[in-house]
PDB file of N, CA and C in Angstrom:
ATOM      1  N   MET A   1     133.484 122.586 122.915  1.00  0.00           N
ATOM      2  CA  MET A   1     132.081 122.573 122.574  1.00  0.00           C
ATOM      3  C   MET A   1     131.362 121.504 123.390  1.00  0.00           C
ATOM      4  N   GLU A   2     130.160 121.811 123.774  1.00  0.00           N
ATOM      5  CA  GLU A   2     129.344 120.876 124.514  1.00  0.00           C
ATOM      6  C   GLU A   2     128.484 120.075 123.548  1.00  0.00           C
ATOM      7  N   PRO A   3     128.287 118.793 123.836  1.00  0.00           N
ATOM      8  CA  PRO A   3     127.422 118.006 122.960  1.00  0.00           C
ATOM      9  C   PRO A   3     125.981 118.489 123.061  1.00  0.00           C
ATOM     10  N   MET A   4     125.253 118.362 121.966  1.00  0.00           N
ATOM     11  CA  MET A   4     123.866 118.814 121.943  1.00  0.00           C
ATOM     12  C   MET A   4     122.964 117.882 122.759  1.00  0.00           C
ATOM     13  N   PHE A   5     123.321 116.634 122.812  1.00  0.00           N
ATOM     14  CA  PHE A   5     122.517 115.672 123.551  1.00  0.00           C
ATOM     15  C   PHE A   5     123.365 115.094 124.661  1.00  0.00           C
ATOM     16  N   ASN A   6     122.851 115.087 125.849  1.00  0.00           N
ATOM     17  CA  ASN A   6     123.569 114.547 126.985  1.00  0.00           C
ATOM     18  C   ASN A   6     123.218 113.067 127.112  1.00  0.00           C
ATOM     19  N   ALA A   7     124.179 112.192 126.862  1.00  0.00           N
ATOM     20  CA  ALA A   7     123.941 110.752 126.877  1.00  0.00           C
ATOM     21  C   ALA A   7     123.660 110.246 128.282  1.00  0.00           C
ATOM     22  N   ASN A   8     124.075 110.959 129.297  1.00  0.00           N
ATOM     23  CA  ASN A   8     123.856 110.514 130.669  1.00  0.00           C
ATOM     24  C   ASN A   8     122.455 110.837 131.173  1.00  0.00           C
ATOM     25  N   GLN A   9     121.711 111.591 130.428  1.00  0.00           N
ATOM     26  CA  GLN A   9     120.385 112.004 130.853  1.00  0.00           C
ATOM     27  C   GLN A   9     119.401 110.862 130.571  1.00  0.00           C
ATOM     28  N   ASP A  10     118.668 110.447 131.587  1.00  0.00           N
ATOM     29  CA  ASP A  10     117.725 109.343 131.456  1.00  0.00           C
ATOM     30  C   ASP A  10     116.318 109.879 131.272  1.00  0.00           C
ATOM     31  N   ASN A  11     115.542 109.146 130.528  1.00  0.00           N
ATOM     32  CA  ASN A  11     114.150 109.499 130.321  1.00  0.00           C
ATOM     33  C   ASN A  11     113.320 108.465 131.077  1.00  0.00           C
ATOM     34  N   PRO A  12     112.792 108.790 132.262  1.00  0.00           N
ATOM     35  CA  PRO A  12     112.105 107.795 133.089  1.00  0.00           C
ATOM     36  C   PRO A  12     110.843 107.238 132.446  1.00  0.00           C
ATOM     37  N   SER A  13     110.159 107.998 131.630  1.00  0.00           N
ATOM     38  CA  SER A  13     108.927 107.480 131.030  1.00  0.00           C
ATOM     39  C   SER A  13     109.221 106.351 130.053  1.00  0.00           C
ATOM     40  N   VAL A  14     110.312 106.467 129.304  1.00  0.00           N
ATOM     41  CA  VAL A  14     110.693 105.404 128.379  1.00  0.00           C
ATOM     42  C   VAL A  14     111.145 104.179 129.152  1.00  0.00           C
ATOM     43  N   GLU A  15     111.891 104.349 130.206  1.00  0.00           N
ATOM     44  CA  GLU A  15     112.381 103.233 131.014  1.00  0.00           C
ATOM     45  C   GLU A  15     111.219 102.428 131.594  1.00  0.00           C
ATOM     46  N   THR A  16     110.248 103.110 132.183  1.00  0.00           N
ATOM     47  CA  THR A  16     109.138 102.379 132.797  1.00  0.00           C
ATOM     48  C   THR A  16     108.281 101.692 131.748  1.00  0.00           C
ATOM     49  N   THR A  17     108.111 102.290 130.592  1.00  0.00           N
ATOM     50  CA  THR A  17     107.324 101.662 129.533  1.00  0.00           C
ATOM     51  C   THR A  17     108.005 100.385 129.057  1.00  0.00           C
ATOM     52  N   LEU A  18     109.306 100.437 128.870  1.00  0.00           N
ATOM     53  CA  LEU A  18     110.035  99.250 128.424  1.00  0.00           C
ATOM     54  C   LEU A  18     110.008  98.164 129.489  1.00  0.00           C
ATOM     55  N   GLU A  19     110.170  98.536 130.735  1.00  0.00           N
ATOM     56  CA  GLU A  19     110.155  97.551 131.810  1.00  0.00           C
ATOM     57  C   GLU A  19     108.799  96.885 131.928  1.00  0.00           C
ATOM     58  N   GLN A  20     107.746  97.614 131.658  1.00  0.00           N
ATOM     59  CA  GLN A  20     106.411  97.040 131.750  1.00  0.00           C
ATOM     60  C   GLN A  20     106.120  96.111 130.575  1.00  0.00           C
ATOM     61  N   ASN A  21     106.645  96.392 129.403  1.00  0.00           N
ATOM     62  CA  ASN A  21     106.341  95.609 128.210  1.00  0.00           C
ATOM     63  C   ASN A  21     107.237  94.396 128.026  1.00  0.00           C
ATOM     64  N   ILE A  22     108.432  94.423 128.558  1.00  0.00           N
ATOM     65  CA  ILE A  22     109.377  93.322 128.342  1.00  0.00           C
ATOM     66  C   ILE A  22     108.855  92.003 128.898  1.00  0.00           C
ATOM     67  N   PRO A  23     108.306  91.930 130.115  1.00  0.00           N
ATOM     68  CA  PRO A  23     107.819  90.628 130.587  1.00  0.00           C
ATOM     69  C   PRO A  23     106.687  90.063 129.733  1.00  0.00           C
ATOM     70  N   VAL A  24     105.811  90.900 129.223  1.00  0.00           N
ATOM     71  CA  VAL A  24     104.696  90.423 128.392  1.00  0.00           C
ATOM     72  C   VAL A  24     105.224  89.852 127.086  1.00  0.00           C
ATOM     73  N   VAL A  25     106.135  90.549 126.454  1.00  0.00           N
ATOM     74  CA  VAL A  25     106.705  90.086 125.186  1.00  0.00           C
ATOM     75  C   VAL A  25     107.515  88.817 125.412  1.00  0.00           C
ATOM     76  N   ASP A  26     108.262  88.770 126.507  1.00  0.00           N
ATOM     77  CA  ASP A  26     109.070  87.598 126.818  1.00  0.00           C
ATOM     78  C   ASP A  26     108.177  86.383 127.075  1.00  0.00           C
ATOM     79  N   GLN A  27     107.094  86.588 127.782  1.00  0.00           N
ATOM     80  CA  GLN A  27     106.171  85.495 128.073  1.00  0.00           C
ATOM     81  C   GLN A  27     105.496  85.002 126.792  1.00  0.00           C
ATOM     82  N   GLU A  28     105.100  85.901 125.917  1.00  0.00           N
ATOM     83  CA  GLU A  28     104.486  85.492 124.649  1.00  0.00           C
ATOM     84  C   GLU A  28     105.469  84.724 123.784  1.00  0.00           C
ATOM     85  N   ALA A  29     106.718  85.145 123.780  1.00  0.00           N
ATOM     86  CA  ALA A  29     107.737  84.444 122.992  1.00  0.00           C
ATOM     87  C   ALA A  29     107.963  83.040 123.544  1.00  0.00           C
ATOM     88  N   LYS A  30     107.962  82.894 124.858  1.00  0.00           N
ATOM     89  CA  LYS A  30     108.143  81.568 125.459  1.00  0.00           C
ATOM     90  C   LYS A  30     106.974  80.656 125.121  1.00  0.00           C
ATOM     91  N   ILE A  31     105.754  81.189 125.170  1.00  0.00           N
ATOM     92  CA  ILE A  31     104.574  80.389 124.837  1.00  0.00           C
ATOM     93  C   ILE A  31     104.608  79.970 123.375  1.00  0.00           C
ATOM     94  N   ARG A  32     104.973  80.895 122.487  1.00  0.00           N
ATOM     95  CA  ARG A  32     105.052  80.592 121.063  1.00  0.00           C
ATOM     96  C   ARG A  32     106.115  79.525 120.797  1.00  0.00           C
ATOM     97  N   GLN A  33     107.276  79.634 121.455  1.00  0.00           N
ATOM     98  CA  GLN A  33     108.342  78.646 121.275  1.00  0.00           C
ATOM     99  C   GLN A  33     107.917  77.280 121.816  1.00  0.00           C
ATOM    100  N   GLN A  34     107.204  77.277 122.937  1.00  0.00           N
ATOM    101  CA  GLN A  34     106.741  76.014 123.518  1.00  0.00           C
ATOM    102  C   GLN A  34     105.754  75.322 122.586  1.00  0.00           C
ATOM    103  N   ARG A  35     104.836  76.079 121.990  1.00  0.00           N
ATOM    104  CA  ARG A  35     103.896  75.493 121.030  1.00  0.00           C
ATOM    105  C   ARG A  35     104.617  74.948 119.816  1.00  0.00           C
ATOM    106  N   ARG A  36     105.613  75.689 119.347  1.00  0.00           N
ATOM    107  CA  ARG A  36     106.382  75.240 118.182  1.00  0.00           C
ATOM    108  C   ARG A  36     107.122  73.939 118.506  1.00  0.00           C
ATOM    109  N   GLN A  37     107.668  73.830 119.705  1.00  0.00           N
ATOM    110  CA  GLN A  37     108.371  72.608 120.091  1.00  0.00           C
ATOM    111  C   GLN A  37     107.425  71.426 120.214  1.00  0.00           C
ATOM    112  N   GLN A  38     106.230  71.661 120.755  1.00  0.00           N
ATOM    113  CA  GLN A  38     105.251  70.572 120.858  1.00  0.00           C
ATOM    114  C   GLN A  38     104.810  70.111 119.472  1.00  0.00           C
ATOM    115  N   ARG A  39     104.583  71.055 118.570  1.00  0.00           N
ATOM    116  CA  ARG A  39     104.201  70.701 117.202  1.00  0.00           C
ATOM    117  C   ARG A  39     105.346  69.936 116.531  1.00  0.00           C
ATOM    118  N   GLY A  40     106.568  70.357 116.755  1.00  0.00           N
ATOM    119  CA  GLY A  40     107.718  69.670 116.186  1.00  0.00           C
ATOM    120  C   GLY A  40     107.861  68.258 116.712  1.00  0.00           C
ATOM    121  N   LEU A  41     107.596  68.087 118.007  1.00  0.00           N
ATOM    122  CA  LEU A  41     107.679  66.751 118.593  1.00  0.00           C
ATOM    123  C   LEU A  41     106.642  65.825 117.969  1.00  0.00           C
ATOM    124  N   ARG A  42     105.440  66.343 117.722  1.00  0.00           N
ATOM    125  CA  ARG A  42     104.413  65.531 117.060  1.00  0.00           C
ATOM    126  C   ARG A  42     104.841  65.138 115.642  1.00  0.00           C
ATOM    127  N   TRP A  43     105.453  66.079 114.915  1.00  0.00           N
ATOM    128  CA  TRP A  43     105.932  65.771 113.564  1.00  0.00           C
ATOM    129  C   TRP A  43     107.029  64.707 113.604  1.00  0.00           C
ATOM    130  N   VAL A  44     107.953  64.825 114.542  1.00  0.00           N
ATOM    131  CA  VAL A  44     109.047  63.848 114.641  1.00  0.00           C
ATOM    132  C   VAL A  44     108.492  62.472 114.983  1.00  0.00           C
ATOM    133  N   LEU A  45     107.576  62.421 115.952  1.00  0.00           N
ATOM    134  CA  LEU A  45     107.001  61.122 116.330  1.00  0.00           C
ATOM    135  C   LEU A  45     106.180  60.524 115.192  1.00  0.00           C
ATOM    136  N   GLY A  46     105.437  61.353 114.490  1.00  0.00           N
ATOM    137  CA  GLY A  46     104.684  60.857 113.334  1.00  0.00           C
ATOM    138  C   GLY A  46     105.596  60.345 112.233  1.00  0.00           C
ATOM    139  N   GLY A  47     106.677  61.079 111.973  1.00  0.00           N
ATOM    140  CA  GLY A  47     107.641  60.638 110.968  1.00  0.00           C
ATOM    141  C   GLY A  47     108.324  59.341 111.361  1.00  0.00           C
ATOM    142  N   ALA A  48     108.675  59.223 112.647  1.00  0.00           N
ATOM    143  CA  ALA A  48     109.309  57.989 113.122  1.00  0.00           C
ATOM    144  C   ALA A  48     108.334  56.814 113.018  1.00  0.00           C
ATOM    145  N   ALA A  49     107.074  57.050 113.366  1.00  0.00           N
ATOM    146  CA  ALA A  49     106.071  55.986 113.262  1.00  0.00           C
ATOM    147  C   ALA A  49     105.887  55.564 111.800  1.00  0.00           C
ATOM    148  N   LEU A  50     105.904  56.530 110.912  1.00  0.00           N
ATOM    149  CA  LEU A  50     105.766  56.216 109.487  1.00  0.00           C
ATOM    150  C   LEU A  50     106.980  55.425 108.981  1.00  0.00           C
ATOM    151  N   LEU A  51     108.151  55.757 109.461  1.00  0.00           N
ATOM    152  CA  LEU A  51     109.348  55.004 109.072  1.00  0.00           C
ATOM    153  C   LEU A  51     109.292  53.568 109.587  1.00  0.00           C
ATOM    154  N   VAL A  52     108.815  53.383 110.808  1.00  0.00           N
ATOM    155  CA  VAL A  52     108.690  52.024 111.363  1.00  0.00           C
ATOM    156  C   VAL A  52     107.634  51.240 110.581  1.00  0.00           C
ATOM    157  N   PHE A  53     106.514  51.894 110.269  1.00  0.00           N
ATOM    158  CA  PHE A  53     105.473  51.236 109.469  1.00  0.00           C
ATOM    159  C   PHE A  53     106.009  50.854 108.098  1.00  0.00           C
ATOM    160  N   SER A  54     106.786  51.743 107.489  1.00  0.00           N
ATOM    161  CA  SER A  54     107.377  51.473 106.181  1.00  0.00           C
ATOM    162  C   SER A  54     108.314  50.267 106.250  1.00  0.00           C
ATOM    163  N   PHE A  55     109.111  50.205 107.304  1.00  0.00           N
ATOM    164  CA  PHE A  55     110.012  49.068 107.470  1.00  0.00           C
ATOM    165  C   PHE A  55     109.226  47.768 107.577  1.00  0.00           C
ATOM    166  N   GLY A  56     108.183  47.770 108.416  1.00  0.00           N
ATOM    167  CA  GLY A  56     107.380  46.557 108.590  1.00  0.00           C
ATOM    168  C   GLY A  56     106.691  46.135 107.307  1.00  0.00           C
ATOM    169  N   LEU A  57     106.125  47.103 106.596  1.00  0.00           N
ATOM    170  CA  LEU A  57     105.450  46.800 105.339  1.00  0.00           C
ATOM    171  C   LEU A  57     106.437  46.268 104.304  1.00  0.00           C
ATOM    172  N   ASN A  58     107.610  46.868 104.224  1.00  0.00           N
ATOM    173  CA  ASN A  58     108.617  46.391 103.271  1.00  0.00           C
ATOM    174  C   ASN A  58     109.076  44.978 103.617  1.00  0.00           C
ATOM    175  N   PHE A  59     109.193  44.687 104.897  1.00  0.00           N
ATOM    176  CA  PHE A  59     109.602  43.341 105.312  1.00  0.00           C
ATOM    177  C   PHE A  59     108.551  42.308 104.905  1.00  0.00           C
ATOM    178  N   VAL A  60     107.278  42.631 105.145  1.00  0.00           N
ATOM    179  CA  VAL A  60     106.198  41.713 104.780  1.00  0.00           C
ATOM    180  C   VAL A  60     106.136  41.550 103.266  1.00  0.00           C
ATOM    181  N   LEU A  61     106.255  42.652 102.533  1.00  0.00           N
ATOM    182  CA  LEU A  61     106.221  42.560 101.071  1.00  0.00           C
ATOM    183  C   LEU A  61     107.413  41.774 100.523  1.00  0.00           C
ATOM    184  N   TYR A  62     108.559  41.909 101.160  1.00  0.00           N
ATOM    185  CA  TYR A  62     109.744  41.155 100.730  1.00  0.00           C
ATOM    186  C   TYR A  62     109.518  39.655 100.923  1.00  0.00           C
ATOM    187  N   LEU A  63     108.961  39.307 102.073  1.00  0.00           N
ATOM    188  CA  LEU A  63     108.691  37.885 102.328  1.00  0.00           C
ATOM    189  C   LEU A  63     107.637  37.337 101.373  1.00  0.00           C
ATOM    190  N   ALA A  64     106.699  38.184 100.949  1.00  0.00           N
ATOM    191  CA  ALA A  64     105.650  37.747 100.029  1.00  0.00           C
ATOM    192  C   ALA A  64     106.126  37.767  98.577  1.00  0.00           C
ATOM    193  N   GLY A  65     107.274  38.368  98.320  1.00  0.00           N
ATOM    194  CA  GLY A  65     107.793  38.427  96.961  1.00  0.00           C
ATOM    195  C   GLY A  65     107.131  39.491  96.116  1.00  0.00           C
ATOM    196  N   ALA A  66     106.533  40.492  96.734  1.00  0.00           N
ATOM    197  CA  ALA A  66     105.826  41.550  95.999  1.00  0.00           C
ATOM    198  C   ALA A  66     106.792  42.688  95.661  1.00  0.00           C
ATOM    199  N   ASP A  67     106.267  43.636  94.891  1.00  0.00           N
ATOM    200  CA  ASP A  67     107.063  44.799  94.480  1.00  0.00           C
ATOM    201  C   ASP A  67     107.283  45.734  95.671  1.00  0.00           C
ATOM    202  N   LEU A  68     108.531  46.167  95.869  1.00  0.00           N
ATOM    203  CA  LEU A  68     108.882  46.999  97.023  1.00  0.00           C
ATOM    204  C   LEU A  68     109.068  48.476  96.687  1.00  0.00           C
ATOM    205  N   ALA A  69     109.116  48.829  95.427  1.00  0.00           N
ATOM    206  CA  ALA A  69     109.547  50.169  95.031  1.00  0.00           C
ATOM    207  C   ALA A  69     108.663  51.280  95.594  1.00  0.00           C
ATOM    208  N   VAL A  70     107.373  51.194  95.389  1.00  0.00           N
ATOM    209  CA  VAL A  70     106.483  52.294  95.803  1.00  0.00           C
ATOM    210  C   VAL A  70     106.430  52.434  97.325  1.00  0.00           C
ATOM    211  N   PRO A  71     106.128  51.376  98.078  1.00  0.00           N
ATOM    212  CA  PRO A  71     106.068  51.567  99.537  1.00  0.00           C
ATOM    213  C   PRO A  71     107.409  51.985 100.139  1.00  0.00           C
ATOM    214  N   MET A  72     108.476  51.422  99.599  1.00  0.00           N
ATOM    215  CA  MET A  72     109.777  51.718 100.177  1.00  0.00           C
ATOM    216  C   MET A  72     110.143  53.186  99.975  1.00  0.00           C
ATOM    217  N   TYR A  73     110.028  53.688  98.788  1.00  0.00           N
ATOM    218  CA  TYR A  73     110.471  55.046  98.518  1.00  0.00           C
ATOM    219  C   TYR A  73     109.477  56.109  98.977  1.00  0.00           C
ATOM    220  N   VAL A  74     108.193  55.863  98.774  1.00  0.00           N
ATOM    221  CA  VAL A  74     107.193  56.872  99.132  1.00  0.00           C
ATOM    222  C   VAL A  74     107.063  56.997 100.649  1.00  0.00           C
ATOM    223  N   LEU A  75     106.813  55.889 101.328  1.00  0.00           N
ATOM    224  CA  LEU A  75     106.616  55.955 102.780  1.00  0.00           C
ATOM    225  C   LEU A  75     107.888  56.397 103.509  1.00  0.00           C
ATOM    226  N   THR A  76     109.021  55.922 103.055  1.00  0.00           N
ATOM    227  CA  THR A  76     110.276  56.319 103.695  1.00  0.00           C
ATOM    228  C   THR A  76     110.553  57.797 103.480  1.00  0.00           C
ATOM    229  N   SER A  77     110.301  58.283 102.284  1.00  0.00           N
ATOM    230  CA  SER A  77     110.527  59.706 102.007  1.00  0.00           C
ATOM    231  C   SER A  77     109.601  60.592 102.825  1.00  0.00           C
ATOM    232  N   VAL A  78     108.326  60.228 102.888  1.00  0.00           N
ATOM    233  CA  VAL A  78     107.373  61.033 103.660  1.00  0.00           C
ATOM    234  C   VAL A  78     107.726  60.992 105.142  1.00  0.00           C
ATOM    235  N   GLY A  79     108.103  59.827 105.647  1.00  0.00           N
ATOM    236  CA  GLY A  79     108.488  59.710 107.059  1.00  0.00           C
ATOM    237  C   GLY A  79     109.736  60.516 107.377  1.00  0.00           C
ATOM    238  N   ALA A  80     110.728  60.452 106.507  1.00  0.00           N
ATOM    239  CA  ALA A  80     111.968  61.204 106.744  1.00  0.00           C
ATOM    240  C   ALA A  80     111.724  62.707 106.656  1.00  0.00           C
ATOM    241  N   LEU A  81     110.933  63.148 105.690  1.00  0.00           N
ATOM    242  CA  LEU A  81     110.631  64.581 105.575  1.00  0.00           C
ATOM    243  C   LEU A  81     109.817  65.084 106.763  1.00  0.00           C
ATOM    244  N   SER A  82     108.912  64.253 107.268  1.00  0.00           N
ATOM    245  CA  SER A  82     108.142  64.639 108.452  1.00  0.00           C
ATOM    246  C   SER A  82     109.048  64.788 109.666  1.00  0.00           C
ATOM    247  N   ALA A  83     109.982  63.871 109.821  1.00  0.00           N
ATOM    248  CA  ALA A  83     110.913  63.952 110.949  1.00  0.00           C
ATOM    249  C   ALA A  83     111.811  65.186 110.830  1.00  0.00           C
ATOM    250  N   ILE A  84     112.258  65.491 109.639  1.00  0.00           N
ATOM    251  CA  ILE A  84     113.095  66.678 109.428  1.00  0.00           C
ATOM    252  C   ILE A  84     112.304  67.942 109.696  1.00  0.00           C
ATOM    253  N   LYS A  85     111.047  68.005 109.247  1.00  0.00           N
ATOM    254  CA  LYS A  85     110.218  69.174 109.508  1.00  0.00           C
ATOM    255  C   LYS A  85     110.014  69.374 111.005  1.00  0.00           C
ATOM    256  N   GLY A  86     109.819  68.278 111.725  1.00  0.00           N
ATOM    257  CA  GLY A  86     109.678  68.358 113.174  1.00  0.00           C
ATOM    258  C   GLY A  86     110.933  68.860 113.851  1.00  0.00           C
ATOM    259  N   MET A  87     112.089  68.429 113.387  1.00  0.00           N
ATOM    260  CA  MET A  87     113.348  68.905 113.974  1.00  0.00           C
ATOM    261  C   MET A  87     113.546  70.400 113.691  1.00  0.00           C
ATOM    262  N   VAL A  88     113.137  70.845 112.528  1.00  0.00           N
ATOM    263  CA  VAL A  88     113.226  72.268 112.213  1.00  0.00           C
ATOM    264  C   VAL A  88     112.333  73.072 113.167  1.00  0.00           C
ATOM    265  N   ASP A  89     111.130  72.567 113.431  1.00  0.00           N
ATOM    266  CA  ASP A  89     110.242  73.250 114.380  1.00  0.00           C
ATOM    267  C   ASP A  89     110.821  73.247 115.795  1.00  0.00           C
ATOM    268  N   ILE A  90     111.402  72.154 116.200  1.00  0.00           N
ATOM    269  CA  ILE A  90     111.949  72.068 117.560  1.00  0.00           C
ATOM    270  C   ILE A  90     113.136  72.996 117.736  1.00  0.00           C
ATOM    271  N   PHE A  91     114.045  72.986 116.802  1.00  0.00           N
ATOM    272  CA  PHE A  91     115.261  73.797 116.941  1.00  0.00           C
ATOM    273  C   PHE A  91     115.061  75.235 116.495  1.00  0.00           C
ATOM    274  N   GLY A  92     113.941  75.526 115.860  1.00  0.00           N
ATOM    275  CA  GLY A  92     113.627  76.894 115.486  1.00  0.00           C
ATOM    276  C   GLY A  92     114.504  77.476 114.395  1.00  0.00           C
ATOM    277  N   ILE A  93     114.855  76.644 113.452  1.00  0.00           N
ATOM    278  CA  ILE A  93     115.710  77.114 112.350  1.00  0.00           C
ATOM    279  C   ILE A  93     114.863  77.830 111.340  1.00  0.00           C
TER     280      ILE A  93
END
């Protein structure tokens, strides 16, 4: 018996349509990924800056003998979460 569909038969109209659309889709995906990486880098840098600010503030408050609980936990948590969010954007998870 002969197969009803010949797998070796090519459809040129489908081939040319796919070839024309692949570069556009690929370029859009690269642009989208690049924007996501730039946004992620900003989040990581902002989170790192917040962590450094938190460290400095905690050091000054420690020397002054003030309460450390709120600045230490709140600023550190927000800074760490910002850095993690940025890494997620960069790596595309």
